[in-house]
Amino acid sequence: MRGAAALVDARGAWEAEARRARGAWAAGEKARREAWAAGKAREVKELTIKARAGGPGARAGRRVRVAYAVDAWATLVRRARGRSLPAP
Protein backbone atom coordinates (compact mmCIF):
# COMPACT_ATOMS: atom_id res chain seq x y z
CA MET A 1 0.00 0.00 0.00
CA ARG A 2 2.92 2.31 -0.63
CA GLY A 3 1.00 4.00 -3.43
CA ALA A 4 -1.94 4.83 -1.15
CA ALA A 5 0.35 6.40 1.46
CA ALA A 6 2.10 8.47 -1.21
CA LEU A 7 -1.26 9.61 -2.50
CA VAL A 8 -2.35 10.70 0.99
CA ASP A 9 0.94 12.60 1.44
CA ALA A 10 0.56 14.28 -1.95
CA ARG A 11 -3.01 15.26 -1.20
CA GLY A 12 -1.93 16.85 2.08
CA ALA A 13 0.76 18.83 0.25
CA TRP A 14 -1.74 19.97 -2.38
CA GLU A 15 -4.19 21.09 0.28
CA ALA A 16 -1.47 23.04 2.09
CA GLU A 17 -0.43 24.68 -1.18
CA ALA A 18 -4.06 25.56 -1.94
CA ARG A 19 -4.44 27.15 1.52
CA ARG A 20 -1.31 29.25 0.95
CA ALA A 21 -2.54 30.30 -2.50
CA ARG A 22 -5.98 31.26 -1.14
CA GLY A 23 -4.34 33.30 1.62
CA ALA A 24 -2.12 35.12 -0.86
CA TRP A 25 -5.07 35.78 -3.16
CA ALA A 26 -7.19 37.10 -0.27
CA ALA A 27 -4.41 39.44 0.86
CA GLY A 28 -3.94 40.75 -2.67
CA GLU A 29 -7.67 41.17 -3.15
CA LYS A 30 -7.92 43.17 0.08
CA ALA A 31 -5.11 45.47 -1.05
CA ARG A 32 -6.73 45.95 -4.47
CA ARG A 33 -10.12 46.68 -2.87
CA GLU A 34 -8.62 49.24 -0.49
CA ALA A 35 -6.73 50.96 -3.32
CA TRP A 36 -9.90 51.07 -5.42
CA ALA A 37 -11.92 52.53 -2.54
CA ALA A 38 -9.26 55.17 -1.88
CA GLY A 39 -9.28 56.12 -5.57
CA LYS A 40 -13.06 56.45 -5.59
CA ALA A 41 -12.98 58.58 -2.43
CA ARG A 42 -10.35 60.82 -4.03
CA GLU A 43 -12.48 61.12 -7.19
CA VAL A 44 -15.57 62.15 -5.20
CA LYS A 45 -13.55 64.72 -3.23
CA GLU A 46 -12.19 66.19 -6.45
CA LEU A 47 -15.67 66.44 -7.91
CA THR A 48 -16.95 68.10 -4.75
CA ILE A 49 -14.10 70.62 -4.68
CA LYS A 50 -14.67 71.48 -8.35
CA ALA A 51 -18.38 72.03 -7.67
CA ARG A 52 -17.71 74.29 -4.68
CA ALA A 53 -15.24 76.41 -6.63
CA GLY A 54 -17.83 77.11 -9.31
CA GLY A 55 -19.58 80.04 -7.61
CA PRO A 56 -23.35 80.66 -7.65
CA GLY A 57 -24.10 78.28 -10.51
CA ALA A 58 -22.11 75.46 -8.94
CA ARG A 59 -25.17 73.59 -7.70
CA ALA A 60 -26.31 72.64 -11.18
CA GLY A 61 -22.74 71.60 -12.02
CA ARG A 62 -22.55 69.53 -8.87
CA ARG A 63 -25.74 67.65 -9.77
CA VAL A 64 -24.35 66.88 -13.20
CA ARG A 65 -21.05 65.66 -11.76
CA VAL A 66 -22.76 63.52 -9.14
CA ALA A 67 -25.09 62.04 -11.77
CA TYR A 68 -22.04 61.27 -13.92
CA ALA A 69 -20.27 59.59 -10.98
CA VAL A 70 -23.37 57.53 -10.16
CA ASP A 71 -23.71 56.44 -13.80
CA ALA A 72 -20.04 55.51 -13.93
CA TRP A 73 -20.45 53.48 -10.74
CA ALA A 74 -23.51 51.68 -12.10
CA THR A 75 -21.59 50.84 -15.27
CA LEU A 76 -18.74 49.37 -13.23
CA VAL A 77 -21.15 47.30 -11.17
CA ARG A 78 -22.92 45.95 -14.25
CA ARG A 79 -19.63 45.05 -15.88
CA ALA A 80 -18.40 43.39 -12.70
CA ARG A 81 -21.52 41.27 -12.56
CA GLY A 82 -21.03 40.25 -16.19
CA ARG A 83 -24.23 41.78 -17.43
CA SER A 84 -24.36 43.46 -20.80
CA LEU A 85 -24.96 47.16 -20.91
CA PRO A 86 -28.32 48.40 -22.19
CA ALA A 87 -28.41 49.95 -25.63
CA PRO A 88 -28.11 53.77 -25.54
PDB file of N, CA and C in Angstrom:
ATOM      1  N   MET A   1       0.811  -1.190   0.000  1.00  0.00           N
ATOM      2  CA  MET A   1       0.000   0.000   0.000  1.00  0.00           C
ATOM      3  C   MET A   1       0.857   1.258   0.000  1.00  0.00           C
ATOM      4  N   ARG A   2       2.061   1.141  -0.553  1.00  0.00           N
ATOM      5  CA  ARG A   2       2.925   2.307  -0.629  1.00  0.00           C
ATOM      6  C   ARG A   2       2.294   3.400  -1.475  1.00  0.00           C
ATOM      7  N   GLY A   3       1.615   3.029  -2.531  1.00  0.00           N
ATOM      8  CA  GLY A   3       0.996   4.002  -3.429  1.00  0.00           C
ATOM      9  C   GLY A   3      -0.092   4.804  -2.726  1.00  0.00           C
ATOM     10  N   ALA A   4      -0.861   4.144  -1.867  1.00  0.00           N
ATOM     11  CA  ALA A   4      -1.936   4.829  -1.150  1.00  0.00           C
ATOM     12  C   ALA A   4      -1.359   5.845  -0.167  1.00  0.00           C
ATOM     13  N   ALA A   5      -0.267   5.477   0.505  1.00  0.00           N
ATOM     14  CA  ALA A   5       0.355   6.402   1.460  1.00  0.00           C
ATOM     15  C   ALA A   5       0.932   7.614   0.731  1.00  0.00           C
ATOM     16  N   ALA A   6       1.535   7.361  -0.426  1.00  0.00           N
ATOM     17  CA  ALA A   6       2.098   8.468  -1.209  1.00  0.00           C
ATOM     18  C   ALA A   6       0.991   9.394  -1.695  1.00  0.00           C
ATOM     19  N   LEU A   7      -0.133   8.806  -2.045  1.00  0.00           N
ATOM     20  CA  LEU A   7      -1.261   9.608  -2.502  1.00  0.00           C
ATOM     21  C   LEU A   7      -1.800  10.488  -1.374  1.00  0.00           C
ATOM     22  N   VAL A   8      -1.879   9.940  -0.168  1.00  0.00           N
ATOM     23  CA  VAL A   8      -2.345  10.700   0.987  1.00  0.00           C
ATOM     24  C   VAL A   8      -1.368  11.838   1.278  1.00  0.00           C
ATOM     25  N   ASP A   9      -0.065  11.555   1.211  1.00  0.00           N
ATOM     26  CA  ASP A   9       0.945  12.599   1.439  1.00  0.00           C
ATOM     27  C   ASP A   9       0.849  13.699   0.385  1.00  0.00           C
ATOM     28  N   ALA A  10       0.666  13.304  -0.862  1.00  0.00           N
ATOM     29  CA  ALA A  10       0.562  14.284  -1.949  1.00  0.00           C
ATOM     30  C   ALA A  10      -0.689  15.137  -1.780  1.00  0.00           C
ATOM     31  N   ARG A  11      -1.777  14.508  -1.389  1.00  0.00           N
ATOM     32  CA  ARG A  11      -3.013  15.264  -1.198  1.00  0.00           C
ATOM     33  C   ARG A  11      -2.855  16.296  -0.086  1.00  0.00           C
ATOM     34  N   GLY A  12      -2.185  15.909   0.989  1.00  0.00           N
ATOM     35  CA  GLY A  12      -1.927  16.848   2.081  1.00  0.00           C
ATOM     36  C   GLY A  12      -1.086  18.026   1.607  1.00  0.00           C
ATOM     37  N   ALA A  13      -0.091  17.752   0.780  1.00  0.00           N
ATOM     38  CA  ALA A  13       0.756  18.827   0.250  1.00  0.00           C
ATOM     39  C   ALA A  13      -0.049  19.736  -0.666  1.00  0.00           C
ATOM     40  N   TRP A  14      -0.912  19.159  -1.480  1.00  0.00           N
ATOM     41  CA  TRP A  14      -1.739  19.972  -2.381  1.00  0.00           C
ATOM     42  C   TRP A  14      -2.694  20.866  -1.598  1.00  0.00           C
ATOM     43  N   GLU A  15      -3.285  20.301  -0.546  1.00  0.00           N
ATOM     44  CA  GLU A  15      -4.195  21.087   0.277  1.00  0.00           C
ATOM     45  C   GLU A  15      -3.469  22.243   0.965  1.00  0.00           C
ATOM     46  N   ALA A  16      -2.258  21.987   1.458  1.00  0.00           N
ATOM     47  CA  ALA A  16      -1.473  23.044   2.092  1.00  0.00           C
ATOM     48  C   ALA A  16      -1.128  24.128   1.067  1.00  0.00           C
ATOM     49  N   GLU A  17      -0.758  23.715  -0.122  1.00  0.00           N
ATOM     50  CA  GLU A  17      -0.427  24.679  -1.178  1.00  0.00           C
ATOM     51  C   GLU A  17      -1.668  25.498  -1.565  1.00  0.00           C
ATOM     52  N   ALA A  18      -2.821  24.850  -1.612  1.00  0.00           N
ATOM     53  CA  ALA A  18      -4.058  25.557  -1.942  1.00  0.00           C
ATOM     54  C   ALA A  18      -4.404  26.565  -0.853  1.00  0.00           C
ATOM     55  N   ARG A  19      -4.201  26.215   0.415  1.00  0.00           N
ATOM     56  CA  ARG A  19      -4.444  27.146   1.516  1.00  0.00           C
ATOM     57  C   ARG A  19      -3.535  28.363   1.407  1.00  0.00           C
ATOM     58  N   ARG A  20      -2.250  28.129   1.099  1.00  0.00           N
ATOM     59  CA  ARG A  20      -1.311  29.246   0.947  1.00  0.00           C
ATOM     60  C   ARG A  20      -1.722  30.137  -0.227  1.00  0.00           C
ATOM     61  N   ALA A  21      -2.126  29.521  -1.327  1.00  0.00           N
ATOM     62  CA  ALA A  21      -2.537  30.296  -2.501  1.00  0.00           C
ATOM     63  C   ALA A  21      -3.789  31.114  -2.205  1.00  0.00           C
ATOM     64  N   ARG A  22      -4.768  30.526  -1.505  1.00  0.00           N
ATOM     65  CA  ARG A  22      -5.980  31.260  -1.140  1.00  0.00           C
ATOM     66  C   ARG A  22      -5.649  32.431  -0.220  1.00  0.00           C
ATOM     67  N   GLY A  23      -4.746  32.221   0.718  1.00  0.00           N
ATOM     68  CA  GLY A  23      -4.341  33.295   1.617  1.00  0.00           C
ATOM     69  C   GLY A  23      -3.668  34.436   0.867  1.00  0.00           C
ATOM     70  N   ALA A  24      -2.792  34.089  -0.066  1.00  0.00           N
ATOM     71  CA  ALA A  24      -2.119  35.121  -0.863  1.00  0.00           C
ATOM     72  C   ALA A  24      -3.122  35.863  -1.732  1.00  0.00           C
ATOM     73  N   TRP A  25      -4.056  35.147  -2.325  1.00  0.00           N
ATOM     74  CA  TRP A  25      -5.073  35.782  -3.160  1.00  0.00           C
ATOM     75  C   TRP A  25      -5.935  36.723  -2.330  1.00  0.00           C
ATOM     76  N   ALA A  26      -6.332  36.279  -1.137  1.00  0.00           N
ATOM     77  CA  ALA A  26      -7.185  37.098  -0.275  1.00  0.00           C
ATOM     78  C   ALA A  26      -6.456  38.375   0.148  1.00  0.00           C
ATOM     79  N   ALA A  27      -5.184  38.265   0.471  1.00  0.00           N
ATOM     80  CA  ALA A  27      -4.414  39.445   0.865  1.00  0.00           C
ATOM     81  C   ALA A  27      -4.297  40.417  -0.309  1.00  0.00           C
ATOM     82  N   GLY A  28      -4.032  39.894  -1.486  1.00  0.00           N
ATOM     83  CA  GLY A  28      -3.942  40.750  -2.673  1.00  0.00           C
ATOM     84  C   GLY A  28      -5.269  41.394  -3.000  1.00  0.00           C
ATOM     85  N   GLU A  29      -6.339  40.637  -2.867  1.00  0.00           N
ATOM     86  CA  GLU A  29      -7.670  41.169  -3.148  1.00  0.00           C
ATOM     87  C   GLU A  29      -8.015  42.291  -2.169  1.00  0.00           C
ATOM     88  N   LYS A  30      -7.653  42.128  -0.911  1.00  0.00           N
ATOM     89  CA  LYS A  30      -7.916  43.166   0.084  1.00  0.00           C
ATOM     90  C   LYS A  30      -7.160  44.441  -0.272  1.00  0.00           C
ATOM     91  N   ALA A  31      -5.911  44.302  -0.673  1.00  0.00           N
ATOM     92  CA  ALA A  31      -5.113  45.471  -1.046  1.00  0.00           C
ATOM     93  C   ALA A  31      -5.704  46.155  -2.279  1.00  0.00           C
ATOM     94  N   ARG A  32      -6.131  45.373  -3.264  1.00  0.00           N
ATOM     95  CA  ARG A  32      -6.733  45.952  -4.469  1.00  0.00           C
ATOM     96  C   ARG A  32      -8.039  46.672  -4.133  1.00  0.00           C
ATOM     97  N   ARG A  33      -8.847  46.073  -3.266  1.00  0.00           N
ATOM     98  CA  ARG A  33     -10.121  46.678  -2.875  1.00  0.00           C
ATOM     99  C   ARG A  33      -9.892  47.998  -2.136  1.00  0.00           C
ATOM    100  N   GLU A  34      -8.918  48.020  -1.227  1.00  0.00           N
ATOM    101  CA  GLU A  34      -8.618  49.242  -0.485  1.00  0.00           C
ATOM    102  C   GLU A  34      -8.097  50.334  -1.415  1.00  0.00           C
ATOM    103  N   ALA A  35      -7.245  49.973  -2.363  1.00  0.00           N
ATOM    104  CA  ALA A  35      -6.729  50.963  -3.316  1.00  0.00           C
ATOM    105  C   ALA A  35      -7.855  51.505  -4.183  1.00  0.00           C
ATOM    106  N   TRP A  36      -8.761  50.637  -4.598  1.00  0.00           N
ATOM    107  CA  TRP A  36      -9.895  51.065  -5.425  1.00  0.00           C
ATOM    108  C   TRP A  36     -10.787  52.020  -4.634  1.00  0.00           C
ATOM    109  N   ALA A  37     -11.070  51.681  -3.368  1.00  0.00           N
ATOM    110  CA  ALA A  37     -11.925  52.528  -2.541  1.00  0.00           C
ATOM    111  C   ALA A  37     -11.261  53.885  -2.299  1.00  0.00           C
ATOM    112  N   ALA A  38      -9.959  53.906  -2.082  1.00  0.00           N
ATOM    113  CA  ALA A  38      -9.255  55.172  -1.883  1.00  0.00           C
ATOM    114  C   ALA A  38      -9.316  56.021  -3.151  1.00  0.00           C
ATOM    115  N   GLY A  39      -9.177  55.389  -4.313  1.00  0.00           N
ATOM    116  CA  GLY A  39      -9.278  56.118  -5.573  1.00  0.00           C
ATOM    117  C   GLY A  39     -10.662  56.704  -5.781  1.00  0.00           C
ATOM    118  N   LYS A  40     -11.693  55.945  -5.452  1.00  0.00           N
ATOM    119  CA  LYS A  40     -13.062  56.447  -5.590  1.00  0.00           C
ATOM    120  C   LYS A  40     -13.308  57.603  -4.623  1.00  0.00           C
ATOM    121  N   ALA A  41     -12.812  57.496  -3.400  1.00  0.00           N
ATOM    122  CA  ALA A  41     -12.983  58.580  -2.434  1.00  0.00           C
ATOM    123  C   ALA A  41     -12.283  59.842  -2.929  1.00  0.00           C
ATOM    124  N   ARG A  42     -11.085  59.683  -3.485  1.00  0.00           N
ATOM    125  CA  ARG A  42     -10.348  60.818  -4.027  1.00  0.00           C
ATOM    126  C   ARG A  42     -11.115  61.457  -5.184  1.00  0.00           C
ATOM    127  N   GLU A  43     -11.706  60.617  -6.049  1.00  0.00           N
ATOM    128  CA  GLU A  43     -12.480  61.124  -7.188  1.00  0.00           C
ATOM    129  C   GLU A  43     -13.692  61.930  -6.718  1.00  0.00           C
ATOM    130  N   VAL A  44     -14.392  61.432  -5.716  1.00  0.00           N
ATOM    131  CA  VAL A  44     -15.567  62.145  -5.196  1.00  0.00           C
ATOM    132  C   VAL A  44     -15.140  63.465  -4.568  1.00  0.00           C
ATOM    133  N   LYS A  45     -14.036  63.478  -3.839  1.00  0.00           N
ATOM    134  CA  LYS A  45     -13.548  64.716  -3.235  1.00  0.00           C
ATOM    135  C   LYS A  45     -13.195  65.732  -4.314  1.00  0.00           C
ATOM    136  N   GLU A  46     -12.542  65.274  -5.366  1.00  0.00           N
ATOM    137  CA  GLU A  46     -12.188  66.191  -6.453  1.00  0.00           C
ATOM    138  C   GLU A  46     -13.434  66.782  -7.100  1.00  0.00           C
ATOM    139  N   LEU A  47     -14.433  65.955  -7.316  1.00  0.00           N
ATOM    140  CA  LEU A  47     -15.675  66.445  -7.911  1.00  0.00           C
ATOM    141  C   LEU A  47     -16.354  67.458  -6.996  1.00  0.00           C
ATOM    142  N   THR A  48     -16.326  67.204  -5.704  1.00  0.00           N
ATOM    143  CA  THR A  48     -16.945  68.100  -4.747  1.00  0.00           C
ATOM    144  C   THR A  48     -16.207  69.432  -4.703  1.00  0.00           C
ATOM    145  N   ILE A  49     -14.900  69.389  -4.713  1.00  0.00           N
ATOM    146  CA  ILE A  49     -14.102  70.619  -4.683  1.00  0.00           C
ATOM    147  C   ILE A  49     -14.355  71.432  -5.947  1.00  0.00           C
ATOM    148  N   LYS A  50     -14.401  70.781  -7.103  1.00  0.00           N
ATOM    149  CA  LYS A  50     -14.675  71.484  -8.353  1.00  0.00           C
ATOM    150  C   LYS A  50     -16.041  72.159  -8.298  1.00  0.00           C
ATOM    151  N   ALA A  51     -17.026  71.469  -7.737  1.00  0.00           N
ATOM    152  CA  ALA A  51     -18.375  72.026  -7.670  1.00  0.00           C
ATOM    153  C   ALA A  51     -18.416  73.227  -6.738  1.00  0.00           C
ATOM    154  N   ARG A  52     -17.704  73.186  -5.630  1.00  0.00           N
ATOM    155  CA  ARG A  52     -17.708  74.293  -4.677  1.00  0.00           C
ATOM    156  C   ARG A  52     -16.990  75.516  -5.240  1.00  0.00           C
ATOM    157  N   ALA A  53     -16.005  75.289  -6.077  1.00  0.00           N
ATOM    158  CA  ALA A  53     -15.243  76.408  -6.626  1.00  0.00           C
ATOM    159  C   ALA A  53     -15.991  77.107  -7.752  1.00  0.00           C
ATOM    160  N   GLY A  54     -17.123  76.583  -8.145  1.00  0.00           N
ATOM    161  CA  GLY A  54     -17.830  77.107  -9.305  1.00  0.00           C
ATOM    162  C   GLY A  54     -18.640  78.361  -9.071  1.00  0.00           C
ATOM    163  N   GLY A  55     -18.816  78.813  -7.854  1.00  0.00           N
ATOM    164  CA  GLY A  55     -19.577  80.037  -7.608  1.00  0.00           C
ATOM    165  C   GLY A  55     -21.068  79.769  -7.526  1.00  0.00           C
ATOM    166  N   PRO A  56     -21.897  80.784  -7.844  1.00  0.00           N
ATOM    167  CA  PRO A  56     -23.351  80.664  -7.654  1.00  0.00           C
ATOM    168  C   PRO A  56     -23.998  79.557  -8.489  1.00  0.00           C
ATOM    169  N   GLY A  57     -23.494  79.305  -9.657  1.00  0.00           N
ATOM    170  CA  GLY A  57     -24.099  78.281 -10.510  1.00  0.00           C
ATOM    171  C   GLY A  57     -23.542  76.893 -10.268  1.00  0.00           C
ATOM    172  N   ALA A  58     -22.784  76.729  -9.187  1.00  0.00           N
ATOM    173  CA  ALA A  58     -22.107  75.456  -8.935  1.00  0.00           C
ATOM    174  C   ALA A  58     -23.074  74.330  -8.607  1.00  0.00           C
ATOM    175  N   ARG A  59     -24.250  74.669  -8.080  1.00  0.00           N
ATOM    176  CA  ARG A  59     -25.174  73.595  -7.703  1.00  0.00           C
ATOM    177  C   ARG A  59     -25.595  72.758  -8.897  1.00  0.00           C
ATOM    178  N   ALA A  60     -25.915  73.399  -9.988  1.00  0.00           N
ATOM    179  CA  ALA A  60     -26.310  72.644 -11.182  1.00  0.00           C
ATOM    180  C   ALA A  60     -25.142  71.794 -11.655  1.00  0.00           C
ATOM    181  N   GLY A  61     -23.923  72.363 -11.620  1.00  0.00           N
ATOM    182  CA  GLY A  61     -22.743  71.604 -12.016  1.00  0.00           C
ATOM    183  C   GLY A  61     -22.495  70.423 -11.109  1.00  0.00           C
ATOM    184  N   ARG A  62     -22.752  70.613  -9.825  1.00  0.00           N
ATOM    185  CA  ARG A  62     -22.552  69.527  -8.868  1.00  0.00           C
ATOM    186  C   ARG A  62     -23.511  68.382  -9.162  1.00  0.00           C
ATOM    187  N   ARG A  63     -24.774  68.717  -9.458  1.00  0.00           N
ATOM    188  CA  ARG A  63     -25.742  67.655  -9.766  1.00  0.00           C
ATOM    189  C   ARG A  63     -25.302  66.863 -10.995  1.00  0.00           C
ATOM    190  N   VAL A  64     -24.796  67.559 -11.990  1.00  0.00           N
ATOM    191  CA  VAL A  64     -24.347  66.880 -13.204  1.00  0.00           C
ATOM    192  C   VAL A  64     -23.172  65.967 -12.887  1.00  0.00           C
ATOM    193  N   ARG A  65     -22.229  66.470 -12.095  1.00  0.00           N
ATOM    194  CA  ARG A  65     -21.054  65.661 -11.758  1.00  0.00           C
ATOM    195  C   ARG A  65     -21.435  64.457 -10.910  1.00  0.00           C
ATOM    196  N   VAL A  66     -22.332  64.640  -9.980  1.00  0.00           N
ATOM    197  CA  VAL A  66     -22.765  63.519  -9.144  1.00  0.00           C
ATOM    198  C   VAL A  66     -23.506  62.497  -9.992  1.00  0.00           C
ATOM    199  N   ALA A  67     -24.370  62.961 -10.892  1.00  0.00           N
ATOM    200  CA  ALA A  67     -25.086  62.036 -11.771  1.00  0.00           C
ATOM    201  C   ALA A  67     -24.098  61.263 -12.632  1.00  0.00           C
ATOM    202  N   TYR A  68     -23.056  61.939 -13.114  1.00  0.00           N
ATOM    203  CA  TYR A  68     -22.036  61.266 -13.917  1.00  0.00           C
ATOM    204  C   TYR A  68     -21.322  60.203 -13.085  1.00  0.00           C
ATOM    205  N   ALA A  69     -20.960  60.543 -11.843  1.00  0.00           N
ATOM    206  CA  ALA A  69     -20.269  59.592 -10.981  1.00  0.00           C
ATOM    207  C   ALA A  69     -21.158  58.388 -10.683  1.00  0.00           C
ATOM    208  N   VAL A  70     -22.438  58.632 -10.445  1.00  0.00           N
ATOM    209  CA  VAL A  70     -23.370  57.532 -10.163  1.00  0.00           C
ATOM    210  C   VAL A  70     -23.514  56.638 -11.393  1.00  0.00           C
ATOM    211  N   ASP A  71     -23.620  57.238 -12.569  1.00  0.00           N
ATOM    212  CA  ASP A  71     -23.712  56.440 -13.800  1.00  0.00           C
ATOM    213  C   ASP A  71     -22.454  55.623 -14.024  1.00  0.00           C
ATOM    214  N   ALA A  72     -21.303  56.235 -13.772  1.00  0.00           N
ATOM    215  CA  ALA A  72     -20.036  55.514 -13.931  1.00  0.00           C
ATOM    216  C   ALA A  72     -19.975  54.341 -12.964  1.00  0.00           C
ATOM    217  N   TRP A  73     -20.429  54.553 -11.737  1.00  0.00           N
ATOM    218  CA  TRP A  73     -20.452  53.480 -10.743  1.00  0.00           C
ATOM    219  C   TRP A  73     -21.377  52.351 -11.182  1.00  0.00           C
ATOM    220  N   ALA A  74     -22.559  52.699 -11.660  1.00  0.00           N
ATOM    221  CA  ALA A  74     -23.513  51.681 -12.101  1.00  0.00           C
ATOM    222  C   ALA A  74     -22.934  50.875 -13.259  1.00  0.00           C
ATOM    223  N   THR A  75     -22.226  51.544 -14.156  1.00  0.00           N
ATOM    224  CA  THR A  75     -21.593  50.845 -15.269  1.00  0.00           C
ATOM    225  C   THR A  75     -20.553  49.857 -14.758  1.00  0.00           C
ATOM    226  N   LEU A  76     -19.740  50.275 -13.796  1.00  0.00           N
ATOM    227  CA  LEU A  76     -18.739  49.372 -13.229  1.00  0.00           C
ATOM    228  C   LEU A  76     -19.389  48.167 -12.571  1.00  0.00           C
ATOM    229  N   VAL A  77     -20.469  48.399 -11.854  1.00  0.00           N
ATOM    230  CA  VAL A  77     -21.149  47.300 -11.171  1.00  0.00           C
ATOM    231  C   VAL A  77     -21.724  46.319 -12.184  1.00  0.00           C
ATOM    232  N   ARG A  78     -22.362  46.842 -13.234  1.00  0.00           N
ATOM    233  CA  ARG A  78     -22.921  45.955 -14.250  1.00  0.00           C
ATOM    234  C   ARG A  78     -21.836  45.137 -14.932  1.00  0.00           C
ATOM    235  N   ARG A  79     -20.725  45.775 -15.238  1.00  0.00           N
ATOM    236  CA  ARG A  79     -19.628  45.045 -15.882  1.00  0.00           C
ATOM    237  C   ARG A  79     -19.059  43.994 -14.947  1.00  0.00           C
ATOM    238  N   ALA A  80     -18.947  44.336 -13.668  1.00  0.00           N
ATOM    239  CA  ALA A  80     -18.404  43.390 -12.701  1.00  0.00           C
ATOM    240  C   ALA A  80     -19.306  42.172 -12.556  1.00  0.00           C
ATOM    241  N   ARG A  81     -20.583  42.391 -12.682  1.00  0.00           N
ATOM    242  CA  ARG A  81     -21.516  41.272 -12.563  1.00  0.00           C
ATOM    243  C   ARG A  81     -21.645  40.500 -13.866  1.00  0.00           C
ATOM    244  N   GLY A  82     -21.012  40.971 -14.923  1.00  0.00           N
ATOM    245  CA  GLY A  82     -21.032  40.252 -16.189  1.00  0.00           C
ATOM    246  C   GLY A  82     -22.263  40.486 -17.002  1.00  0.00           C
ATOM    247  N   ARG A  83     -23.029  41.492 -16.668  1.00  0.00           N
ATOM    248  CA  ARG A  83     -24.229  41.777 -17.429  1.00  0.00           C
ATOM    249  C   ARG A  83     -23.864  42.696 -18.583  1.00  0.00           C
ATOM    250  N   SER A  84     -24.599  42.574 -19.671  1.00  0.00           N
ATOM    251  CA  SER A  84     -24.358  43.462 -20.797  1.00  0.00           C
ATOM    252  C   SER A  84     -25.010  44.810 -20.523  1.00  0.00           C
ATOM    253  N   LEU A  85     -24.427  45.833 -21.096  1.00  0.00           N
ATOM    254  CA  LEU A  85     -24.965  47.164 -20.905  1.00  0.00           C
ATOM    255  C   LEU A  85     -26.179  47.371 -21.796  1.00  0.00           C
ATOM    256  N   PRO A  86     -27.168  48.130 -21.340  1.00  0.00           N
ATOM    257  CA  PRO A  86     -28.324  48.395 -22.192  1.00  0.00           C
ATOM    258  C   PRO A  86     -27.948  49.274 -23.370  1.00  0.00           C
ATOM    259  N   ALA A  87     -28.686  49.148 -24.451  1.00  0.00           N
ATOM    260  CA  ALA A  87     -28.411  49.952 -25.630  1.00  0.00           C
ATOM    261  C   ALA A  87     -28.728  51.415 -25.341  1.00  0.00           C
ATOM    262  N   PRO A  88     -27.874  52.338 -25.824  1.00  0.00           N
ATOM    263  CA  PRO A  88     -28.114  53.770 -25.539  1.00  0.00           C
ATOM    264  C   PRO A  88     -29.347  54.300 -26.222  1.00  0.00           C
TER     265      PRO A  88
END
